[in-house]
Amino acid sequence: MNLLLCMSRLEARLVSGTGNVPDVSFSHVVVSDLMSDVLVVEEDDYLLLTSLSGEQVIRTADITGARAVLLCNGKTPPAGMIRLADEHGIPLLCTPLRTFELCRRIVHCQDARE
C-alpha cells in the first residue's frame, strides 16, 4: 500500500518526513504499544501503528525497518520524537482515530488497492 494514498482515508496528518512520503509503501501493518513485541517482528516493510508517543518508538521503528510510524488516539508527538524521526528519515504521522477504527480503515485501503 502507498502511504500517501491511505493518508486521507486514515485522517492522518504528516508531522515529520515530508520529502519521502510519496515513495513510502508498505505491505504489512504492525499494531502495538509494546515495543518489545515490535522488536521481534520479522517483516521489514511495515507501517507501525501505536498510541505511544516517545522517542523509543522511533528507535524501534529504525531498528526493525518500519517504513513509517502512525500515532493513533489523537496523540501528539513531543519535539524529541519529531527530531529523531527527521534524523532517521522515518515519516511520522498522527490521526485522531482510535486504534480499532484505524485498523478497519487500513483494511479498506487494502481492498481499494486490489
PDB file of N, CA and C in Angstrom:
ATOM      1  N   MET A   1       0.841  -1.177   0.000  1.00  0.00           N
ATOM      2  CA  MET A   1       0.000   0.000   0.000  1.00  0.00           C
ATOM      3  C   MET A   1       0.882   1.235   0.000  1.00  0.00           C
ATOM      4  N   ASN A   2       0.414   2.259  -0.628  1.00  0.00           N
ATOM      5  CA  ASN A   2       1.131   3.522  -0.660  1.00  0.00           C
ATOM      6  C   ASN A   2       0.630   4.403   0.476  1.00  0.00           C
ATOM      7  N   LEU A   3       1.557   4.916   1.272  1.00  0.00           N
ATOM      8  CA  LEU A   3       1.199   5.724   2.427  1.00  0.00           C
ATOM      9  C   LEU A   3       0.434   6.979   2.037  1.00  0.00           C
ATOM     10  N   LEU A   4       0.875   7.636   0.996  1.00  0.00           N
ATOM     11  CA  LEU A   4       0.225   8.872   0.559  1.00  0.00           C
ATOM     12  C   LEU A   4      -1.228   8.637   0.172  1.00  0.00           C
ATOM     13  N   LEU A   5      -1.497   7.523  -0.485  1.00  0.00           N
ATOM     14  CA  LEU A   5      -2.861   7.218  -0.903  1.00  0.00           C
ATOM     15  C   LEU A   5      -3.772   6.892   0.273  1.00  0.00           C
ATOM     16  N   CYS A   6      -3.207   6.349   1.345  1.00  0.00           N
ATOM     17  CA  CYS A   6      -4.015   5.982   2.514  1.00  0.00           C
ATOM     18  C   CYS A   6      -4.217   7.131   3.500  1.00  0.00           C
ATOM     19  N   MET A   7      -3.421   8.172   3.395  1.00  0.00           N
ATOM     20  CA  MET A   7      -3.443   9.226   4.417  1.00  0.00           C
ATOM     21  C   MET A   7      -4.821   9.851   4.618  1.00  0.00           C
ATOM     22  N   SER A   8      -5.524  10.181   3.555  1.00  0.00           N
ATOM     23  CA  SER A   8      -6.828  10.841   3.730  1.00  0.00           C
ATOM     24  C   SER A   8      -7.844   9.883   4.341  1.00  0.00           C
ATOM     25  N   ARG A   9      -7.812   8.623   3.933  1.00  0.00           N
ATOM     26  CA  ARG A   9      -8.745   7.643   4.489  1.00  0.00           C
ATOM     27  C   ARG A   9      -8.477   7.410   5.980  1.00  0.00           C
ATOM     28  N   LEU A  10      -7.217   7.558   6.384  1.00  0.00           N
ATOM     29  CA  LEU A  10      -6.844   7.349   7.780  1.00  0.00           C
ATOM     30  C   LEU A  10      -6.895   8.635   8.599  1.00  0.00           C
ATOM     31  N   GLU A  11      -7.300   9.726   7.954  1.00  0.00           N
ATOM     32  CA  GLU A  11      -7.342  11.050   8.592  1.00  0.00           C
ATOM     33  C   GLU A  11      -5.990  11.385   9.222  1.00  0.00           C
ATOM     34  N   ALA A  12      -4.925  11.017   8.520  1.00  0.00           N
ATOM     35  CA  ALA A  12      -3.574  11.179   9.045  1.00  0.00           C
ATOM     36  C   ALA A  12      -2.970  12.509   8.621  1.00  0.00           C
ATOM     37  N   ARG A  13      -2.294  13.116   9.552  1.00  0.00           N
ATOM     38  CA  ARG A  13      -1.585  14.376   9.328  1.00  0.00           C
ATOM     39  C   ARG A  13      -0.095  14.094   9.460  1.00  0.00           C
ATOM     40  N   LEU A  14       0.657  14.548   8.469  1.00  0.00           N
ATOM     41  CA  LEU A  14       2.100  14.340   8.478  1.00  0.00           C
ATOM     42  C   LEU A  14       2.768  15.327   9.425  1.00  0.00           C
ATOM     43  N   VAL A  15       3.570  14.816  10.340  1.00  0.00           N
ATOM     44  CA  VAL A  15       4.274  15.635  11.321  1.00  0.00           C
ATOM     45  C   VAL A  15       5.743  15.785  10.947  1.00  0.00           C
ATOM     46  N   SER A  16       6.307  14.736  10.340  1.00  0.00           N
ATOM     47  CA  SER A  16       7.725  14.712  10.014  1.00  0.00           C
ATOM     48  C   SER A  16       7.944  13.831   8.789  1.00  0.00           C
ATOM     49  N   GLY A  17       8.927  14.196   7.970  1.00  0.00           N
ATOM     50  CA  GLY A  17       9.284  13.357   6.836  1.00  0.00           C
ATOM     51  C   GLY A  17       8.563  13.685   5.555  1.00  0.00           C
ATOM     52  N   THR A  18       8.327  14.943   5.299  1.00  0.00           N
ATOM     53  CA  THR A  18       7.537  15.338   4.138  1.00  0.00           C
ATOM     54  C   THR A  18       8.163  14.953   2.808  1.00  0.00           C
ATOM     55  N   GLY A  19       9.476  14.929   2.709  1.00  0.00           N
ATOM     56  CA  GLY A  19      10.137  14.703   1.431  1.00  0.00           C
ATOM     57  C   GLY A  19       9.954  13.330   0.836  1.00  0.00           C
ATOM     58  N   ASN A  20       9.910  12.290   1.665  1.00  0.00           N
ATOM     59  CA  ASN A  20       9.890  10.942   1.113  1.00  0.00           C
ATOM     60  C   ASN A  20       8.545  10.236   1.181  1.00  0.00           C
ATOM     61  N   VAL A  21       7.497  10.899   1.618  1.00  0.00           N
ATOM     62  CA  VAL A  21       6.192  10.258   1.770  1.00  0.00           C
ATOM     63  C   VAL A  21       5.631   9.699   0.457  1.00  0.00           C
ATOM     64  N   PRO A  22       5.738  10.393  -0.669  1.00  0.00           N
ATOM     65  CA  PRO A  22       5.176   9.811  -1.901  1.00  0.00           C
ATOM     66  C   PRO A  22       5.791   8.467  -2.275  1.00  0.00           C
ATOM     67  N   ASP A  23       6.991   8.191  -1.838  1.00  0.00           N
ATOM     68  CA  ASP A  23       7.667   6.943  -2.175  1.00  0.00           C
ATOM     69  C   ASP A  23       7.481   5.835  -1.141  1.00  0.00           C
ATOM     70  N   VAL A  24       6.843   6.141  -0.021  1.00  0.00           N
ATOM     71  CA  VAL A  24       6.720   5.161   1.054  1.00  0.00           C
ATOM     72  C   VAL A  24       5.562   4.207   0.764  1.00  0.00           C
ATOM     73  N   SER A  25       5.894   2.943   0.729  1.00  0.00           N
ATOM     74  CA  SER A  25       4.864   1.919   0.604  1.00  0.00           C
ATOM     75  C   SER A  25       5.160   0.830   1.629  1.00  0.00           C
ATOM     76  N   PHE A  26       4.129   0.103   1.976  1.00  0.00           N
ATOM     77  CA  PHE A  26       4.283  -0.951   2.967  1.00  0.00           C
ATOM     78  C   PHE A  26       3.350  -2.100   2.604  1.00  0.00           C
ATOM     79  N   SER A  27       3.729  -3.289   3.005  1.00  0.00           N
ATOM     80  CA  SER A  27       2.885  -4.443   2.720  1.00  0.00           C
ATOM     81  C   SER A  27       2.299  -5.065   3.987  1.00  0.00           C
ATOM     82  N   HIS A  28       2.734  -4.573   5.145  1.00  0.00           N
ATOM     83  CA  HIS A  28       2.247  -5.085   6.420  1.00  0.00           C
ATOM     84  C   HIS A  28       1.986  -3.926   7.371  1.00  0.00           C
ATOM     85  N   VAL A  29       1.154  -4.198   8.368  1.00  0.00           N
ATOM     86  CA  VAL A  29       0.886  -3.225   9.432  1.00  0.00           C
ATOM     87  C   VAL A  29       1.117  -3.932  10.757  1.00  0.00           C
ATOM     88  N   VAL A  30       1.872  -3.284  11.628  1.00  0.00           N
ATOM     89  CA  VAL A  30       2.100  -3.801  12.982  1.00  0.00           C
ATOM     90  C   VAL A  30       1.430  -2.823  13.939  1.00  0.00           C
ATOM     91  N   VAL A  31       0.543  -3.346  14.766  1.00  0.00           N
ATOM     92  CA  VAL A  31      -0.194  -2.532  15.725  1.00  0.00           C
ATOM     93  C   VAL A  31       0.214  -2.974  17.118  1.00  0.00           C
ATOM     94  N   SER A  32       0.893  -2.080  17.841  1.00  0.00           N
ATOM     95  CA  SER A  32       1.340  -2.455  19.176  1.00  0.00           C
ATOM     96  C   SER A  32       1.748  -1.238  19.993  1.00  0.00           C
ATOM     97  N   ASP A  33       1.501  -1.320  21.278  1.00  0.00           N
ATOM     98  CA  ASP A  33       2.013  -0.334  22.218  1.00  0.00           C
ATOM     99  C   ASP A  33       3.181  -0.909  23.014  1.00  0.00           C
ATOM    100  N   LEU A  34       3.534  -2.147  22.743  1.00  0.00           N
ATOM    101  CA  LEU A  34       4.672  -2.779  23.401  1.00  0.00           C
ATOM    102  C   LEU A  34       5.825  -2.860  22.411  1.00  0.00           C
ATOM    103  N   MET A  35       6.809  -2.016  22.585  1.00  0.00           N
ATOM    104  CA  MET A  35       7.926  -2.001  21.649  1.00  0.00           C
ATOM    105  C   MET A  35       8.728  -3.297  21.711  1.00  0.00           C
ATOM    106  N   SER A  36       8.659  -4.006  22.834  1.00  0.00           N
ATOM    107  CA  SER A  36       9.325  -5.309  22.910  1.00  0.00           C
ATOM    108  C   SER A  36       8.678  -6.293  21.935  1.00  0.00           C
ATOM    109  N   ASP A  37       7.379  -6.192  21.704  1.00  0.00           N
ATOM    110  CA  ASP A  37       6.714  -7.032  20.715  1.00  0.00           C
ATOM    111  C   ASP A  37       7.113  -6.632  19.301  1.00  0.00           C
ATOM    112  N   VAL A  38       7.280  -5.346  19.067  1.00  0.00           N
ATOM    113  CA  VAL A  38       7.657  -4.856  17.741  1.00  0.00           C
ATOM    114  C   VAL A  38       9.076  -5.314  17.398  1.00  0.00           C
ATOM    115  N   LEU A  39       9.933  -5.399  18.385  1.00  0.00           N
ATOM    116  CA  LEU A  39      11.325  -5.807  18.138  1.00  0.00           C
ATOM    117  C   LEU A  39      11.456  -7.218  17.561  1.00  0.00           C
ATOM    118  N   VAL A  40      10.450  -8.050  17.715  1.00  0.00           N
ATOM    119  CA  VAL A  40      10.521  -9.412  17.183  1.00  0.00           C
ATOM    120  C   VAL A  40       9.766  -9.577  15.861  1.00  0.00           C
ATOM    121  N   VAL A  41       9.298  -8.481  15.289  1.00  0.00           N
ATOM    122  CA  VAL A  41       8.605  -8.534  14.001  1.00  0.00           C
ATOM    123  C   VAL A  41       9.603  -8.933  12.923  1.00  0.00           C
ATOM    124  N   GLU A  42       9.209  -9.854  12.079  1.00  0.00           N
ATOM    125  CA  GLU A  42      10.113 -10.357  11.049  1.00  0.00           C
ATOM    126  C   GLU A  42       9.991  -9.603   9.727  1.00  0.00           C
ATOM    127  N   GLU A  43       8.966  -8.827   9.543  1.00  0.00           N
ATOM    128  CA  GLU A  43       8.779  -8.048   8.315  1.00  0.00           C
ATOM    129  C   GLU A  43       9.629  -6.781   8.398  1.00  0.00           C
ATOM    130  N   ASP A  44      10.013  -6.243   7.239  1.00  0.00           N
ATOM    131  CA  ASP A  44      10.807  -5.013   7.279  1.00  0.00           C
ATOM    132  C   ASP A  44      10.212  -3.900   6.412  1.00  0.00           C
ATOM    133  N   ASP A  45       9.019  -4.106   5.918  1.00  0.00           N
ATOM    134  CA  ASP A  45       8.376  -3.051   5.137  1.00  0.00           C
ATOM    135  C   ASP A  45       6.957  -2.842   5.664  1.00  0.00           C
ATOM    136  N   TYR A  46       6.886  -2.381   6.889  1.00  0.00           N
ATOM    137  CA  TYR A  46       5.589  -2.271   7.541  1.00  0.00           C
ATOM    138  C   TYR A  46       5.339  -0.863   8.065  1.00  0.00           C
ATOM    139  N   LEU A  47       4.076  -0.588   8.310  1.00  0.00           N
ATOM    140  CA  LEU A  47       3.631   0.632   8.963  1.00  0.00           C
ATOM    141  C   LEU A  47       3.442   0.297  10.432  1.00  0.00           C
ATOM    142  N   LEU A  48       4.082   1.065  11.304  1.00  0.00           N
ATOM    143  CA  LEU A  48       3.927   0.858  12.743  1.00  0.00           C
ATOM    144  C   LEU A  48       2.831   1.778  13.253  1.00  0.00           C
ATOM    145  N   LEU A  49       1.799   1.188  13.793  1.00  0.00           N
ATOM    146  CA  LEU A  49       0.673   1.919  14.340  1.00  0.00           C
ATOM    147  C   LEU A  49       0.705   1.763  15.856  1.00  0.00           C
ATOM    148  N   THR A  50       0.747   2.883  16.578  1.00  0.00           N
ATOM    149  CA  THR A  50       0.854   2.827  18.033  1.00  0.00           C
ATOM    150  C   THR A  50       0.239   4.072  18.657  1.00  0.00           C
ATOM    151  N   SER A  51      -0.080   3.980  19.935  1.00  0.00           N
ATOM    152  CA  SER A  51      -0.526   5.172  20.653  1.00  0.00           C
ATOM    153  C   SER A  51       0.569   5.694  21.586  1.00  0.00           C
ATOM    154  N   LEU A  52       1.741   5.078  21.546  1.00  0.00           N
ATOM    155  CA  LEU A  52       2.875   5.571  22.327  1.00  0.00           C
ATOM    156  C   LEU A  52       3.499   6.761  21.617  1.00  0.00           C
ATOM    157  N   SER A  53       3.813   7.770  22.358  1.00  0.00           N
ATOM    158  CA  SER A  53       4.420   8.957  21.743  1.00  0.00           C
ATOM    159  C   SER A  53       5.728   9.299  22.453  1.00  0.00           C
ATOM    160  N   GLY A  54       6.738   8.526  22.138  1.00  0.00           N
ATOM    161  CA  GLY A  54       8.045   8.753  22.733  1.00  0.00           C
ATOM    162  C   GLY A  54       9.152   8.367  21.770  1.00  0.00           C
ATOM    163  N   GLU A  55      10.349   8.775  22.094  1.00  0.00           N
ATOM    164  CA  GLU A  55      11.495   8.526  21.227  1.00  0.00           C
ATOM    165  C   GLU A  55      11.772   7.043  21.018  1.00  0.00           C
ATOM    166  N   GLN A  56      11.429   6.206  22.006  1.00  0.00           N
ATOM    167  CA  GLN A  56      11.688   4.771  21.865  1.00  0.00           C
ATOM    168  C   GLN A  56      10.921   4.178  20.688  1.00  0.00           C
ATOM    169  N   VAL A  57       9.805   4.772  20.309  1.00  0.00           N
ATOM    170  CA  VAL A  57       9.036   4.288  19.162  1.00  0.00           C
ATOM    171  C   VAL A  57       9.843   4.468  17.877  1.00  0.00           C
ATOM    172  N   ILE A  58      10.459   5.629  17.723  1.00  0.00           N
ATOM    173  CA  ILE A  58      11.257   5.897  16.519  1.00  0.00           C
ATOM    174  C   ILE A  58      12.497   5.016  16.503  1.00  0.00           C
ATOM    175  N   ARG A  59      13.132   4.854  17.643  1.00  0.00           N
ATOM    176  CA  ARG A  59      14.301   3.983  17.708  1.00  0.00           C
ATOM    177  C   ARG A  59      13.943   2.545  17.320  1.00  0.00           C
ATOM    178  N   THR A  60      12.812   2.066  17.819  1.00  0.00           N
ATOM    179  CA  THR A  60      12.353   0.716  17.489  1.00  0.00           C
ATOM    180  C   THR A  60      12.010   0.611  16.006  1.00  0.00           C
ATOM    181  N   ALA A  61      11.346   1.622  15.473  1.00  0.00           N
ATOM    182  CA  ALA A  61      10.998   1.628  14.048  1.00  0.00           C
ATOM    183  C   ALA A  61      12.256   1.578  13.193  1.00  0.00           C
ATOM    184  N   ASP A  62      13.265   2.313  13.584  1.00  0.00           N
ATOM    185  CA  ASP A  62      14.514   2.341  12.835  1.00  0.00           C
ATOM    186  C   ASP A  62      15.220   0.981  12.875  1.00  0.00           C
ATOM    187  N   ILE A  63      15.296   0.393  14.034  1.00  0.00           N
ATOM    188  CA  ILE A  63      15.973  -0.898  14.210  1.00  0.00           C
ATOM    189  C   ILE A  63      15.274  -2.006  13.421  1.00  0.00           C
ATOM    190  N   THR A  64      13.950  -1.975  13.391  1.00  0.00           N
ATOM    191  CA  THR A  64      13.197  -3.085  12.799  1.00  0.00           C
ATOM    192  C   THR A  64      12.825  -2.875  11.331  1.00  0.00           C
ATOM    193  N   GLY A  65      13.078  -1.704  10.793  1.00  0.00           N
ATOM    194  CA  GLY A  65      12.806  -1.468   9.378  1.00  0.00           C
ATOM    195  C   GLY A  65      11.413  -0.988   9.060  1.00  0.00           C
ATOM    196  N   ALA A  66      10.754  -0.347  10.004  1.00  0.00           N
ATOM    197  CA  ALA A  66       9.426   0.205   9.727  1.00  0.00           C
ATOM    198  C   ALA A  66       9.538   1.293   8.665  1.00  0.00           C
ATOM    199  N   ARG A  67       8.566   1.361   7.781  1.00  0.00           N
ATOM    200  CA  ARG A  67       8.563   2.361   6.715  1.00  0.00           C
ATOM    201  C   ARG A  67       8.027   3.698   7.201  1.00  0.00           C
ATOM    202  N   ALA A  68       7.158   3.681   8.231  1.00  0.00           N
ATOM    203  CA  ALA A  68       6.568   4.904   8.778  1.00  0.00           C
ATOM    204  C   ALA A  68       5.945   4.569  10.130  1.00  0.00           C
ATOM    205  N   VAL A  69       5.669   5.616  10.906  1.00  0.00           N
ATOM    206  CA  VAL A  69       5.016   5.467  12.209  1.00  0.00           C
ATOM    207  C   VAL A  69       3.757   6.321  12.198  1.00  0.00           C
ATOM    208  N   LEU A  70       2.662   5.723  12.626  1.00  0.00           N
ATOM    209  CA  LEU A  70       1.390   6.431  12.707  1.00  0.00           C
ATOM    210  C   LEU A  70       0.896   6.387  14.143  1.00  0.00           C
ATOM    211  N   LEU A  71       0.793   7.557  14.766  1.00  0.00           N
ATOM    212  CA  LEU A  71       0.281   7.660  16.138  1.00  0.00           C
ATOM    213  C   LEU A  71      -1.233   7.794  16.086  1.00  0.00           C
ATOM    214  N   CYS A  72      -1.920   6.961  16.858  1.00  0.00           N
ATOM    215  CA  CYS A  72      -3.380   7.000  16.866  1.00  0.00           C
ATOM    216  C   CYS A  72      -3.901   7.585  18.178  1.00  0.00           C
ATOM    217  N   ASN A  73      -5.204   7.611  18.299  1.00  0.00           N
ATOM    218  CA  ASN A  73      -5.888   8.102  19.506  1.00  0.00           C
ATOM    219  C   ASN A  73      -5.616   9.579  19.785  1.00  0.00           C
ATOM    220  N   GLY A  74      -5.337  10.346  18.731  1.00  0.00           N
ATOM    221  CA  GLY A  74      -5.135  11.789  18.895  1.00  0.00           C
ATOM    222  C   GLY A  74      -3.853  12.170  19.604  1.00  0.00           C
ATOM    223  N   LYS A  75      -2.908  11.260  19.708  1.00  0.00           N
ATOM    224  CA  LYS A  75      -1.634  11.568  20.376  1.00  0.00           C
ATOM    225  C   LYS A  75      -0.819  12.559  19.561  1.00  0.00           C
ATOM    226  N   THR A  76      -0.163  13.461  20.257  1.00  0.00           N
ATOM    227  CA  THR A  76       0.718  14.437  19.628  1.00  0.00           C
ATOM    228  C   THR A  76       2.152  14.096  20.018  1.00  0.00           C
ATOM    229  N   PRO A  77       3.035  13.955  19.033  1.00  0.00           N
ATOM    230  CA  PRO A  77       4.413  13.590  19.363  1.00  0.00           C
ATOM    231  C   PRO A  77       5.174  14.756  19.976  1.00  0.00           C
ATOM    232  N   PRO A  78       6.011  14.479  20.972  1.00  0.00           N
ATOM    233  CA  PRO A  78       6.846  15.533  21.544  1.00  0.00           C
ATOM    234  C   PRO A  78       7.959  15.915  20.563  1.00  0.00           C
ATOM    235  N   ALA A  79       8.577  17.042  20.819  1.00  0.00           N
ATOM    236  CA  ALA A  79       9.617  17.573  19.931  1.00  0.00           C
ATOM    237  C   ALA A  79      10.764  16.585  19.730  1.00  0.00           C
ATOM    238  N   GLY A  80      11.160  15.874  20.773  1.00  0.00           N
ATOM    239  CA  GLY A  80      12.258  14.910  20.668  1.00  0.00           C
ATOM    240  C   GLY A  80      11.925  13.769  19.716  1.00  0.00           C
ATOM    241  N   MET A  81      10.685  13.339  19.712  1.00  0.00           N
ATOM    242  CA  MET A  81      10.260  12.272  18.816  1.00  0.00           C
ATOM    243  C   MET A  81      10.278  12.752  17.363  1.00  0.00           C
ATOM    244  N   ILE A  82       9.828  13.966  17.134  1.00  0.00           N
ATOM    245  CA  ILE A  82       9.826  14.549  15.793  1.00  0.00           C
ATOM    246  C   ILE A  82      11.262  14.708  15.286  1.00  0.00           C
ATOM    247  N   ARG A  83      12.123  15.208  16.141  1.00  0.00           N
ATOM    248  CA  ARG A  83      13.524  15.393  15.770  1.00  0.00           C
ATOM    249  C   ARG A  83      14.175  14.069  15.394  1.00  0.00           C
ATOM    250  N   LEU A  84      13.937  13.048  16.194  1.00  0.00           N
ATOM    251  CA  LEU A  84      14.521  11.728  15.935  1.00  0.00           C
ATOM    252  C   LEU A  84      13.959  11.119  14.642  1.00  0.00           C
ATOM    253  N   ALA A  85      12.680  11.304  14.391  1.00  0.00           N
ATOM    254  CA  ALA A  85      12.081  10.815  13.136  1.00  0.00           C
ATOM    255  C   ALA A  85      12.740  11.492  11.938  1.00  0.00           C
ATOM    256  N   ASP A  86      12.973  12.798  12.049  1.00  0.00           N
ATOM    257  CA  ASP A  86      13.665  13.528  10.979  1.00  0.00           C
ATOM    258  C   ASP A  86      15.079  12.996  10.774  1.00  0.00           C
ATOM    259  N   GLU A  87      15.802  12.781  11.861  1.00  0.00           N
ATOM    260  CA  GLU A  87      17.176  12.288  11.781  1.00  0.00           C
ATOM    261  C   GLU A  87      17.265  10.925  11.093  1.00  0.00           C
ATOM    262  N   HIS A  88      16.273  10.070  11.349  1.00  0.00           N
ATOM    263  CA  HIS A  88      16.289   8.720  10.794  1.00  0.00           C
ATOM    264  C   HIS A  88      15.514   8.609   9.477  1.00  0.00           C
ATOM    265  N   GLY A  89      14.907   9.709   9.049  1.00  0.00           N
ATOM    266  CA  GLY A  89      14.162   9.695   7.797  1.00  0.00           C
ATOM    267  C   GLY A  89      12.914   8.834   7.838  1.00  0.00           C
ATOM    268  N   ILE A  90      12.288   8.758   8.994  1.00  0.00           N
ATOM    269  CA  ILE A  90      11.077   7.956   9.158  1.00  0.00           C
ATOM    270  C   ILE A  90       9.869   8.888   9.185  1.00  0.00           C
ATOM    271  N   PRO A  91       8.969   8.762   8.219  1.00  0.00           N
ATOM    272  CA  PRO A  91       7.763   9.590   8.253  1.00  0.00           C
ATOM    273  C   PRO A  91       6.967   9.323   9.525  1.00  0.00           C
ATOM    274  N   LEU A  92       6.538  10.403  10.151  1.00  0.00           N
ATOM    275  CA  LEU A  92       5.770  10.327  11.389  1.00  0.00           C
ATOM    276  C   LEU A  92       4.437  11.012  11.151  1.00  0.00           C
ATOM    277  N   LEU A  93       3.359  10.289  11.405  1.00  0.00           N
ATOM    278  CA  LEU A  93       2.020  10.806  11.176  1.00  0.00           C
ATOM    279  C   LEU A  93       1.184  10.676  12.438  1.00  0.00           C
ATOM    280  N   CYS A  94       0.125  11.479  12.495  1.00  0.00           N
ATOM    281  CA  CYS A  94      -0.812  11.437  13.622  1.00  0.00           C
ATOM    282  C   CYS A  94      -2.230  11.348  13.074  1.00  0.00           C
ATOM    283  N   THR A  95      -3.096  10.710  13.831  1.00  0.00           N
ATOM    284  CA  THR A  95      -4.503  10.648  13.475  1.00  0.00           C
ATOM    285  C   THR A  95      -5.340  10.714  14.748  1.00  0.00           C
ATOM    286  N   PRO A  96      -6.512  11.326  14.677  1.00  0.00           N
ATOM    287  CA  PRO A  96      -7.397  11.342  15.836  1.00  0.00           C
ATOM    288  C   PRO A  96      -8.144  10.022  16.025  1.00  0.00           C
ATOM    289  N   LEU A  97      -8.073   9.141  15.035  1.00  0.00           N
ATOM    290  CA  LEU A  97      -8.832   7.894  15.087  1.00  0.00           C
ATOM    291  C   LEU A  97      -8.337   6.970  16.184  1.00  0.00           C
ATOM    292  N   ARG A  98      -9.269   6.195  16.723  1.00  0.00           N
ATOM    293  CA  ARG A  98      -8.922   5.188  17.714  1.00  0.00           C
ATOM    294  C   ARG A  98      -8.337   3.976  16.991  1.00  0.00           C
ATOM    295  N   THR A  99      -7.620   3.172  17.718  1.00  0.00           N
ATOM    296  CA  THR A  99      -6.886   2.054  17.136  1.00  0.00           C
ATOM    297  C   THR A  99      -7.776   1.119  16.323  1.00  0.00           C
ATOM    298  N   PHE A 100      -8.892   0.703  16.860  1.00  0.00           N
ATOM    299  CA  PHE A 100      -9.761  -0.237  16.159  1.00  0.00           C
ATOM    300  C   PHE A 100     -10.267   0.354  14.851  1.00  0.00           C
ATOM    301  N   GLU A 101     -10.729   1.590  14.886  1.00  0.00           N
ATOM    302  CA  GLU A 101     -11.237   2.239  13.675  1.00  0.00           C
ATOM    303  C   GLU A 101     -10.128   2.385  12.638  1.00  0.00           C
ATOM    304  N   LEU A 102      -8.953   2.700  13.080  1.00  0.00           N
ATOM    305  CA  LEU A 102      -7.818   2.840  12.182  1.00  0.00           C
ATOM    306  C   LEU A 102      -7.501   1.511  11.486  1.00  0.00           C
ATOM    307  N   CYS A 103      -7.519   0.433  12.235  1.00  0.00           N
ATOM    308  CA  CYS A 103      -7.274  -0.889  11.647  1.00  0.00           C
ATOM    309  C   CYS A 103      -8.351  -1.227  10.626  1.00  0.00           C
ATOM    310  N   ARG A 104      -9.580  -0.908  10.929  1.00  0.00           N
ATOM    311  CA  ARG A 104     -10.677  -1.160   9.997  1.00  0.00           C
ATOM    312  C   ARG A 104     -10.466  -0.400   8.693  1.00  0.00           C
ATOM    313  N   ARG A 105     -10.058   0.849   8.796  1.00  0.00           N
ATOM    314  CA  ARG A 105      -9.843   1.660   7.597  1.00  0.00           C
ATOM    315  C   ARG A 105      -8.625   1.206   6.797  1.00  0.00           C
ATOM    316  N   ILE A 106      -7.616   0.712   7.471  1.00  0.00           N
ATOM    317  CA  ILE A 106      -6.449   0.200   6.756  1.00  0.00           C
ATOM    318  C   ILE A 106      -6.844  -1.003   5.897  1.00  0.00           C
ATOM    319  N   VAL A 107      -7.715  -1.822   6.419  1.00  0.00           N
ATOM    320  CA  VAL A 107      -8.210  -2.959   5.639  1.00  0.00           C
ATOM    321  C   VAL A 107      -8.906  -2.444   4.379  1.00  0.00           C
ATOM    322  N   HIS A 108      -9.677  -1.373   4.506  1.00  0.00           N
ATOM    323  CA  HIS A 108     -10.359  -0.800   3.350  1.00  0.00           C
ATOM    324  C   HIS A 108      -9.369  -0.190   2.357  1.00  0.00           C
ATOM    325  N   CYS A 109      -8.261   0.350   2.841  1.00  0.00           N
ATOM    326  CA  CYS A 109      -7.201   0.829   1.930  1.00  0.00           C
ATOM    327  C   CYS A 109      -6.672  -0.340   1.121  1.00  0.00           C
ATOM    328  N   GLN A 110      -6.483  -1.472   1.763  1.00  0.00           N
ATOM    329  CA  GLN A 110      -6.011  -2.675   1.097  1.00  0.00           C
ATOM    330  C   GLN A 110      -7.020  -3.130   0.053  1.00  0.00           C
ATOM    331  N   ASP A 111      -8.305  -3.133   0.421  1.00  0.00           N
ATOM    332  CA  ASP A 111      -9.353  -3.561  -0.509  1.00  0.00           C
ATOM    333  C   ASP A 111      -9.415  -2.655  -1.734  1.00  0.00           C
ATOM    334  N   ALA A 112      -9.214  -1.358  -1.544  1.00  0.00           N
ATOM    335  CA  ALA A 112      -9.264  -0.400  -2.648  1.00  0.00           C
ATOM    336  C   ALA A 112      -8.111  -0.595  -3.608  1.00  0.00           C
ATOM    337  N   ARG A 113      -7.012  -1.106  -3.110  1.00  0.00           N
ATOM    338  CA  ARG A 113      -5.827  -1.314  -3.923  1.00  0.00           C
ATOM    339  C   ARG A 113      -5.995  -2.514  -4.853  1.00  0.00           C
ATOM    340  N   GLU A 114      -6.770  -3.482  -4.451  1.00  0.00           N
ATOM    341  CA  GLU A 114      -6.918  -4.720  -5.242  1.00  0.00           C
ATOM    342  C   GLU A 114      -7.949  -4.576  -6.334  1.00  0.00           C
TER     343      GLU A 114
END
